[in-house]
Amino acid sequence: MLQEKLSPAPGSRRGRKRVGRGDGSGHGTYSGRGCKGQKSRSGYRMRPGFEGGQLPLIKRLPRKRGFTSHLRTEYSLVNLGELGIFEPGSEVTPEKLVAAGVVKSLRHPIKILALGEISHPLVIKANKFSAAAKAKIEAAGGRAEEVGYAPQTS
């Protein structure tokens, strides 16, 4: 079928309401605009946000400064002091952190911070490390390995 021959299904399109064509049409006299007042006049247009003289919402709310980036990555933060529960020389993975109750879930990537001390060597695998945390882990004889992040809903 040719494109120019296409037409809408019968009854799917309604013609526009022709107002002001006499009382016999049912839309004469006031043409659906009611009686008198600003809204009945031609050229009427209420500016956006106008609330009929009431203090508009835009003026009722406090001013908001700055912005919040929707691209921000939220991390589950783990301090080095919390990793003392793992055996010396063991491998600490995000899954083991969840199993030990250090992190609630793997929904967010895990970042290791330098707060607290680490006394024994550990191989720590996380999504991100602070520079100070990495230095402390290596000073204790351990290793800090960055792993990729795959979001999980658990």
N, C-alpha and C. Protein backbone atom coordinates (compact mmCIF):
# COMPACT_ATOMS: atom_id res chain seq x y z
N MET A 1 0.84 -1.19 0.00
CA MET A 1 0.00 0.00 0.00
C MET A 1 0.88 1.24 0.00
N LEU A 2 0.51 2.22 -0.79
CA LEU A 2 1.30 3.44 -0.88
C LEU A 2 1.06 4.34 0.33
N GLN A 3 2.11 5.03 0.72
CA GLN A 3 2.05 5.86 1.92
C GLN A 3 1.02 6.99 1.79
N GLU A 4 0.89 7.58 0.59
CA GLU A 4 -0.05 8.70 0.43
C GLU A 4 -1.51 8.25 0.45
N LYS A 5 -1.75 6.96 0.34
CA LYS A 5 -3.11 6.44 0.37
C LYS A 5 -3.59 6.13 1.80
N LEU A 6 -2.67 6.18 2.76
CA LEU A 6 -3.03 5.86 4.14
C LEU A 6 -3.94 6.92 4.72
N SER A 7 -4.92 6.52 5.51
CA SER A 7 -5.79 7.47 6.19
C SER A 7 -6.14 6.89 7.56
N PRO A 8 -6.48 7.76 8.52
CA PRO A 8 -6.81 7.26 9.86
C PRO A 8 -8.09 6.42 9.84
N ALA A 9 -8.21 5.54 10.82
CA ALA A 9 -9.37 4.67 10.92
C ALA A 9 -10.63 5.52 11.09
N PRO A 10 -11.74 5.12 10.54
CA PRO A 10 -12.97 5.90 10.66
C PRO A 10 -13.35 6.08 12.13
N GLY A 11 -13.66 7.33 12.50
CA GLY A 11 -14.07 7.63 13.87
C GLY A 11 -12.91 7.91 14.81
N SER A 12 -11.66 7.78 14.35
CA SER A 12 -10.52 8.00 15.25
C SER A 12 -10.12 9.47 15.32
N ARG A 13 -10.57 10.28 14.37
CA ARG A 13 -10.24 11.71 14.37
C ARG A 13 -11.51 12.52 14.53
N ARG A 14 -11.48 13.50 15.41
CA ARG A 14 -12.65 14.33 15.62
C ARG A 14 -12.35 15.73 15.10
N GLY A 15 -13.32 16.33 14.43
CA GLY A 15 -13.14 17.69 13.90
C GLY A 15 -13.10 18.70 15.05
N ARG A 16 -12.50 19.87 14.79
CA ARG A 16 -12.39 20.85 15.88
C ARG A 16 -13.75 21.49 16.15
N LYS A 17 -13.94 21.91 17.41
CA LYS A 17 -15.19 22.54 17.80
C LYS A 17 -15.25 23.94 17.20
N ARG A 18 -16.28 24.23 16.39
CA ARG A 18 -16.42 25.56 15.79
C ARG A 18 -17.37 26.35 16.67
N VAL A 19 -16.81 27.32 17.38
CA VAL A 19 -17.61 28.09 18.35
C VAL A 19 -18.00 29.43 17.74
N GLY A 20 -19.03 30.03 18.35
CA GLY A 20 -19.47 31.36 17.90
C GLY A 20 -20.18 31.32 16.56
N ARG A 21 -20.91 30.26 16.26
CA ARG A 21 -21.59 30.15 14.98
C ARG A 21 -23.12 30.12 15.18
N GLY A 22 -23.60 30.88 16.15
CA GLY A 22 -25.04 30.99 16.38
C GLY A 22 -25.54 30.06 17.46
N ASP A 23 -26.68 30.46 18.05
CA ASP A 23 -27.24 29.70 19.18
C ASP A 23 -27.69 28.29 18.77
N GLY A 24 -28.06 28.13 17.51
CA GLY A 24 -28.52 26.82 17.04
C GLY A 24 -27.41 25.77 17.07
N SER A 25 -26.14 26.21 17.04
CA SER A 25 -25.03 25.26 17.04
C SER A 25 -24.77 24.67 18.42
N GLY A 26 -25.32 25.32 19.45
CA GLY A 26 -25.04 24.87 20.82
C GLY A 26 -23.79 25.51 21.39
N HIS A 27 -23.02 26.22 20.55
CA HIS A 27 -21.80 26.89 21.03
C HIS A 27 -21.81 28.35 20.61
N GLY A 28 -22.98 28.95 20.66
CA GLY A 28 -23.09 30.36 20.28
C GLY A 28 -22.99 31.24 21.52
N THR A 29 -23.40 32.48 21.43
CA THR A 29 -23.42 33.49 22.50
C THR A 29 -22.07 33.64 23.18
N TYR A 30 -21.79 32.82 24.20
CA TYR A 30 -20.52 32.98 24.93
C TYR A 30 -19.41 32.05 24.42
N SER A 31 -19.72 31.19 23.49
CA SER A 31 -18.73 30.32 22.84
C SER A 31 -17.92 29.47 23.81
N GLY A 32 -18.56 28.98 24.85
CA GLY A 32 -17.88 28.09 25.78
C GLY A 32 -16.93 28.79 26.75
N ARG A 33 -16.97 30.14 26.77
CA ARG A 33 -16.04 30.88 27.65
C ARG A 33 -16.71 31.38 28.92
N GLY A 34 -17.94 31.05 29.14
CA GLY A 34 -18.63 31.53 30.32
C GLY A 34 -19.02 33.00 30.13
N CYS A 35 -19.24 33.70 31.22
CA CYS A 35 -19.74 35.07 31.18
C CYS A 35 -18.72 36.05 31.74
N LYS A 36 -18.41 37.07 31.02
CA LYS A 36 -17.52 38.17 31.43
C LYS A 36 -16.22 37.71 32.12
N GLY A 37 -15.36 38.63 32.46
CA GLY A 37 -14.13 38.33 33.16
C GLY A 37 -12.93 38.16 32.24
N GLN A 38 -11.75 38.14 32.85
CA GLN A 38 -10.50 38.10 32.10
C GLN A 38 -10.41 36.89 31.18
N LYS A 39 -10.89 35.74 31.65
CA LYS A 39 -10.76 34.51 30.86
C LYS A 39 -11.67 34.49 29.64
N SER A 40 -12.67 35.37 29.61
CA SER A 40 -13.58 35.37 28.46
C SER A 40 -13.06 36.26 27.33
N ARG A 41 -12.04 37.08 27.61
CA ARG A 41 -11.56 38.03 26.61
C ARG A 41 -10.59 37.37 25.64
N SER A 42 -10.50 37.95 24.46
CA SER A 42 -9.50 37.45 23.51
C SER A 42 -8.12 37.94 23.95
N GLY A 43 -7.10 37.18 23.64
CA GLY A 43 -5.74 37.58 24.02
C GLY A 43 -5.40 37.25 25.45
N TYR A 44 -6.32 36.58 26.17
CA TYR A 44 -6.04 36.23 27.57
C TYR A 44 -4.96 35.16 27.63
N ARG A 45 -3.98 35.39 28.48
CA ARG A 45 -2.96 34.38 28.73
C ARG A 45 -2.41 34.59 30.13
N MET A 46 -2.55 33.59 30.99
CA MET A 46 -2.03 33.71 32.35
C MET A 46 -0.56 33.27 32.33
N ARG A 47 0.28 34.08 32.95
CA ARG A 47 1.70 33.72 32.91
C ARG A 47 1.96 32.46 33.74
N PRO A 48 2.99 31.69 33.38
CA PRO A 48 3.28 30.44 34.11
C PRO A 48 3.59 30.75 35.57
N GLY A 49 3.05 29.94 36.46
CA GLY A 49 3.33 30.11 37.88
C GLY A 49 2.35 31.05 38.58
N PHE A 50 1.44 31.72 37.84
CA PHE A 50 0.49 32.63 38.46
C PHE A 50 -0.57 31.82 39.19
N GLU A 51 -0.86 32.20 40.44
CA GLU A 51 -1.81 31.44 41.25
C GLU A 51 -2.94 32.32 41.73
N GLY A 52 -3.36 33.25 40.87
CA GLY A 52 -4.53 34.07 41.20
C GLY A 52 -4.29 35.05 42.32
N GLY A 53 -3.09 35.55 42.46
CA GLY A 53 -2.80 36.53 43.50
C GLY A 53 -2.26 35.90 44.77
N GLN A 54 -2.46 34.61 44.94
CA GLN A 54 -1.84 33.90 46.07
C GLN A 54 -0.33 33.89 45.87
N LEU A 55 0.44 33.89 46.96
CA LEU A 55 1.89 33.88 46.82
C LEU A 55 2.29 32.60 46.09
N PRO A 56 2.90 32.71 44.93
CA PRO A 56 3.19 31.52 44.12
C PRO A 56 4.19 30.58 44.79
N LEU A 57 4.12 29.33 44.40
CA LEU A 57 4.99 28.29 44.96
C LEU A 57 6.46 28.67 44.82
N ILE A 58 6.82 29.24 43.68
CA ILE A 58 8.22 29.58 43.43
C ILE A 58 8.74 30.61 44.43
N LYS A 59 7.84 31.44 44.97
CA LYS A 59 8.25 32.44 45.97
C LYS A 59 8.09 31.92 47.40
N ARG A 60 7.26 30.87 47.58
CA ARG A 60 7.06 30.32 48.92
C ARG A 60 8.23 29.46 49.36
N LEU A 61 8.92 28.85 48.39
CA LEU A 61 10.02 27.94 48.74
C LEU A 61 11.29 28.71 49.02
N PRO A 62 12.14 28.22 49.92
CA PRO A 62 13.42 28.88 50.16
C PRO A 62 14.32 28.75 48.94
N ARG A 63 15.20 29.70 48.78
CA ARG A 63 16.12 29.64 47.64
C ARG A 63 17.07 28.48 47.81
N LYS A 64 17.37 27.84 46.72
CA LYS A 64 18.27 26.69 46.76
C LYS A 64 19.54 27.04 46.00
N ARG A 65 20.66 26.86 46.64
CA ARG A 65 21.92 27.21 45.99
C ARG A 65 22.67 25.94 45.60
N GLY A 66 23.48 26.05 44.57
CA GLY A 66 24.30 24.92 44.14
C GLY A 66 23.44 23.88 43.45
N PHE A 67 23.99 22.69 43.30
CA PHE A 67 23.25 21.61 42.67
C PHE A 67 23.81 20.28 43.15
N THR A 68 23.06 19.23 42.95
CA THR A 68 23.50 17.88 43.29
C THR A 68 23.66 17.12 41.99
N SER A 69 24.84 16.62 41.75
CA SER A 69 25.10 15.89 40.51
C SER A 69 24.43 14.53 40.57
N HIS A 70 23.67 14.20 39.53
CA HIS A 70 23.03 12.88 39.48
C HIS A 70 24.01 11.82 39.01
N LEU A 71 25.22 12.23 38.66
CA LEU A 71 26.24 11.28 38.21
C LEU A 71 27.17 10.85 39.35
N ARG A 72 26.92 11.38 40.57
CA ARG A 72 27.77 11.09 41.72
C ARG A 72 27.72 9.59 42.06
N THR A 73 28.89 9.03 42.36
CA THR A 73 28.95 7.62 42.76
C THR A 73 28.95 7.54 44.28
N GLU A 74 28.03 6.79 44.83
CA GLU A 74 27.95 6.63 46.27
C GLU A 74 28.67 5.34 46.66
N TYR A 75 29.60 5.44 47.61
CA TYR A 75 30.40 4.29 48.01
C TYR A 75 29.98 3.77 49.37
N SER A 76 30.19 2.47 49.60
CA SER A 76 30.12 1.90 50.94
C SER A 76 31.52 2.08 51.52
N LEU A 77 31.63 2.82 52.61
CA LEU A 77 32.95 3.17 53.15
C LEU A 77 33.35 2.17 54.23
N VAL A 78 34.61 1.73 54.17
CA VAL A 78 35.17 0.80 55.16
C VAL A 78 36.48 1.40 55.65
N ASN A 79 36.61 1.52 56.98
CA ASN A 79 37.85 2.03 57.55
C ASN A 79 38.81 0.87 57.82
N LEU A 80 40.11 1.17 57.75
CA LEU A 80 41.13 0.13 57.96
C LEU A 80 41.01 -0.53 59.32
N GLY A 81 40.60 0.22 60.32
CA GLY A 81 40.46 -0.31 61.67
C GLY A 81 39.45 -1.46 61.74
N GLU A 82 38.49 -1.48 60.83
CA GLU A 82 37.46 -2.53 60.83
C GLU A 82 37.97 -3.84 60.23
N LEU A 83 39.14 -3.81 59.58
CA LEU A 83 39.65 -5.01 58.91
C LEU A 83 40.52 -5.88 59.81
N GLY A 84 40.64 -5.50 61.08
CA GLY A 84 41.42 -6.28 62.04
C GLY A 84 40.79 -7.63 62.35
N ILE A 85 39.53 -7.83 62.01
CA ILE A 85 38.84 -9.09 62.30
C ILE A 85 39.28 -10.22 61.38
N PHE A 86 39.95 -9.90 60.28
CA PHE A 86 40.39 -10.93 59.33
C PHE A 86 41.75 -11.49 59.73
N GLU A 87 41.95 -12.78 59.44
CA GLU A 87 43.19 -13.48 59.79
C GLU A 87 44.38 -12.87 59.04
N PRO A 88 45.58 -12.85 59.64
CA PRO A 88 46.77 -12.34 58.94
C PRO A 88 47.04 -13.13 57.66
N GLY A 89 47.35 -12.44 56.60
CA GLY A 89 47.68 -13.07 55.32
C GLY A 89 46.46 -13.49 54.50
N SER A 90 45.25 -13.30 55.03
CA SER A 90 44.06 -13.72 54.29
C SER A 90 43.68 -12.71 53.21
N GLU A 91 42.83 -13.17 52.31
CA GLU A 91 42.38 -12.30 51.21
C GLU A 91 41.00 -11.74 51.58
N VAL A 92 40.89 -10.41 51.57
CA VAL A 92 39.64 -9.74 51.92
C VAL A 92 38.97 -9.28 50.63
N THR A 93 37.81 -9.86 50.31
CA THR A 93 37.07 -9.51 49.09
C THR A 93 35.77 -8.81 49.49
N PRO A 94 35.11 -8.12 48.54
CA PRO A 94 33.82 -7.50 48.87
C PRO A 94 32.81 -8.50 49.43
N GLU A 95 32.80 -9.73 48.90
CA GLU A 95 31.87 -10.75 49.39
C GLU A 95 32.16 -11.11 50.85
N LYS A 96 33.46 -11.20 51.21
CA LYS A 96 33.83 -11.52 52.60
C LYS A 96 33.48 -10.37 53.54
N LEU A 97 33.55 -9.13 53.03
CA LEU A 97 33.17 -7.97 53.85
C LEU A 97 31.67 -8.01 54.18
N VAL A 98 30.87 -8.45 53.21
CA VAL A 98 29.42 -8.57 53.45
C VAL A 98 29.15 -9.71 54.42
N ALA A 99 29.83 -10.85 54.22
CA ALA A 99 29.64 -12.01 55.09
C ALA A 99 30.03 -11.70 56.54
N ALA A 100 31.06 -10.87 56.72
CA ALA A 100 31.52 -10.51 58.07
C ALA A 100 30.66 -9.41 58.69
N GLY A 101 29.77 -8.80 57.89
CA GLY A 101 28.90 -7.75 58.43
C GLY A 101 29.53 -6.37 58.45
N VAL A 102 30.69 -6.23 57.80
CA VAL A 102 31.36 -4.92 57.75
C VAL A 102 30.61 -4.00 56.78
N VAL A 103 30.11 -4.59 55.69
CA VAL A 103 29.34 -3.85 54.69
C VAL A 103 27.97 -4.52 54.60
N LYS A 104 26.90 -3.71 54.47
CA LYS A 104 25.54 -4.28 54.43
C LYS A 104 25.27 -5.06 53.15
N SER A 105 25.62 -4.47 51.98
CA SER A 105 25.36 -5.16 50.72
C SER A 105 26.35 -4.70 49.67
N LEU A 106 26.32 -5.37 48.52
CA LEU A 106 27.20 -5.02 47.42
C LEU A 106 26.51 -4.07 46.43
N ARG A 107 25.47 -3.40 46.90
CA ARG A 107 24.71 -2.48 46.05
C ARG A 107 25.59 -1.32 45.58
N HIS A 108 26.47 -0.84 46.47
CA HIS A 108 27.36 0.27 46.14
C HIS A 108 28.80 -0.24 46.09
N PRO A 109 29.66 0.40 45.28
CA PRO A 109 31.07 0.01 45.29
C PRO A 109 31.71 0.28 46.65
N ILE A 110 32.76 -0.46 46.97
CA ILE A 110 33.39 -0.36 48.29
C ILE A 110 34.68 0.45 48.19
N LYS A 111 34.82 1.41 49.13
CA LYS A 111 36.05 2.21 49.19
C LYS A 111 36.67 2.04 50.57
N ILE A 112 37.98 1.78 50.58
CA ILE A 112 38.71 1.60 51.83
C ILE A 112 39.35 2.93 52.21
N LEU A 113 39.09 3.37 53.46
CA LEU A 113 39.65 4.63 53.97
C LEU A 113 40.70 4.33 55.04
N ALA A 114 41.53 5.32 55.36
CA ALA A 114 42.70 5.10 56.21
C ALA A 114 42.45 5.26 57.71
N LEU A 115 41.21 5.46 58.14
CA LEU A 115 40.95 5.67 59.56
C LEU A 115 41.22 4.39 60.34
N GLY A 116 42.00 4.47 61.39
CA GLY A 116 42.36 3.29 62.17
C GLY A 116 43.67 2.70 61.69
N GLU A 117 44.12 1.65 62.38
CA GLU A 117 45.41 1.03 62.05
C GLU A 117 45.21 -0.42 61.62
N ILE A 118 46.16 -0.89 60.83
CA ILE A 118 46.16 -2.30 60.42
C ILE A 118 47.52 -2.86 60.82
N SER A 119 47.51 -3.92 61.64
CA SER A 119 48.77 -4.42 62.21
C SER A 119 49.34 -5.62 61.47
N HIS A 120 48.52 -6.35 60.74
CA HIS A 120 49.01 -7.55 60.06
C HIS A 120 48.75 -7.46 58.56
N PRO A 121 49.54 -8.21 57.77
CA PRO A 121 49.39 -8.12 56.31
C PRO A 121 48.10 -8.78 55.81
N LEU A 122 47.41 -8.09 54.90
CA LEU A 122 46.20 -8.61 54.27
C LEU A 122 46.23 -8.29 52.78
N VAL A 123 45.62 -9.17 51.99
CA VAL A 123 45.43 -8.88 50.57
C VAL A 123 44.00 -8.38 50.45
N ILE A 124 43.85 -7.07 50.23
CA ILE A 124 42.52 -6.46 50.22
C ILE A 124 42.11 -6.13 48.79
N LYS A 125 40.95 -6.68 48.40
CA LYS A 125 40.41 -6.40 47.08
C LYS A 125 39.16 -5.55 47.26
N ALA A 126 39.19 -4.32 46.72
CA ALA A 126 38.05 -3.41 46.82
C ALA A 126 37.97 -2.60 45.54
N ASN A 127 36.91 -1.82 45.41
CA ASN A 127 36.71 -1.03 44.20
C ASN A 127 37.55 0.24 44.18
N LYS A 128 37.86 0.77 45.37
CA LYS A 128 38.66 1.99 45.43
C LYS A 128 39.36 2.08 46.78
N PHE A 129 40.53 2.73 46.79
CA PHE A 129 41.30 2.94 48.02
C PHE A 129 41.69 4.40 48.10
N SER A 130 41.72 4.94 49.32
CA SER A 130 42.30 6.28 49.46
C SER A 130 43.82 6.09 49.43
N ALA A 131 44.54 7.13 49.06
CA ALA A 131 46.01 7.03 48.94
C ALA A 131 46.63 6.67 50.29
N ALA A 132 46.11 7.26 51.37
CA ALA A 132 46.65 6.99 52.70
C ALA A 132 46.38 5.54 53.12
N ALA A 133 45.22 5.02 52.76
CA ALA A 133 44.87 3.63 53.11
C ALA A 133 45.80 2.67 52.38
N LYS A 134 46.04 2.94 51.10
CA LYS A 134 46.94 2.10 50.31
C LYS A 134 48.33 2.06 50.93
N ALA A 135 48.81 3.24 51.36
CA ALA A 135 50.14 3.34 51.98
C ALA A 135 50.20 2.54 53.28
N LYS A 136 49.15 2.61 54.11
CA LYS A 136 49.13 1.88 55.38
C LYS A 136 49.10 0.37 55.16
N ILE A 137 48.33 -0.07 54.15
CA ILE A 137 48.23 -1.51 53.86
C ILE A 137 49.59 -2.04 53.42
N GLU A 138 50.25 -1.31 52.53
CA GLU A 138 51.56 -1.74 52.04
C GLU A 138 52.62 -1.65 53.13
N ALA A 139 52.51 -0.69 54.05
CA ALA A 139 53.46 -0.56 55.17
C ALA A 139 53.34 -1.76 56.12
N ALA A 140 52.11 -2.32 56.22
CA ALA A 140 51.90 -3.48 57.08
C ALA A 140 52.30 -4.79 56.38
N GLY A 141 52.75 -4.69 55.13
CA GLY A 141 53.19 -5.87 54.39
C GLY A 141 52.09 -6.51 53.55
N GLY A 142 50.98 -5.82 53.41
CA GLY A 142 49.85 -6.36 52.64
C GLY A 142 49.83 -5.82 51.22
N ARG A 143 48.71 -6.07 50.55
CA ARG A 143 48.57 -5.64 49.16
C ARG A 143 47.15 -5.08 48.96
N ALA A 144 47.06 -3.97 48.23
CA ALA A 144 45.76 -3.37 47.91
C ALA A 144 45.50 -3.55 46.42
N GLU A 145 44.45 -4.29 46.09
CA GLU A 145 44.13 -4.54 44.68
C GLU A 145 42.77 -3.94 44.35
N GLU A 146 42.74 -3.10 43.31
CA GLU A 146 41.47 -2.52 42.86
C GLU A 146 40.78 -3.49 41.91
N VAL A 147 39.50 -3.77 42.18
CA VAL A 147 38.73 -4.66 41.31
C VAL A 147 37.61 -3.85 40.67
N GLY A 148 37.10 -4.30 39.54
CA GLY A 148 36.01 -3.61 38.86
C GLY A 148 34.72 -3.74 39.66
N TYR A 149 33.76 -2.88 39.36
CA TYR A 149 32.48 -2.89 40.08
C TYR A 149 31.36 -3.33 39.16
N ALA A 150 30.62 -4.35 39.61
CA ALA A 150 29.41 -4.77 38.90
C ALA A 150 28.27 -4.66 39.92
N PRO A 151 27.31 -3.75 39.72
CA PRO A 151 26.26 -3.53 40.71
C PRO A 151 25.41 -4.78 40.94
N GLN A 152 25.07 -5.01 42.21
CA GLN A 152 24.22 -6.14 42.59
C GLN A 152 23.07 -5.61 43.42
N THR A 153 21.96 -6.28 43.37
CA THR A 153 20.77 -5.81 44.10
C THR A 153 20.56 -6.50 45.42
N SER A 154 21.47 -7.39 45.81
CA SER A 154 21.29 -8.13 47.06
C SER A 154 21.53 -7.27 48.27
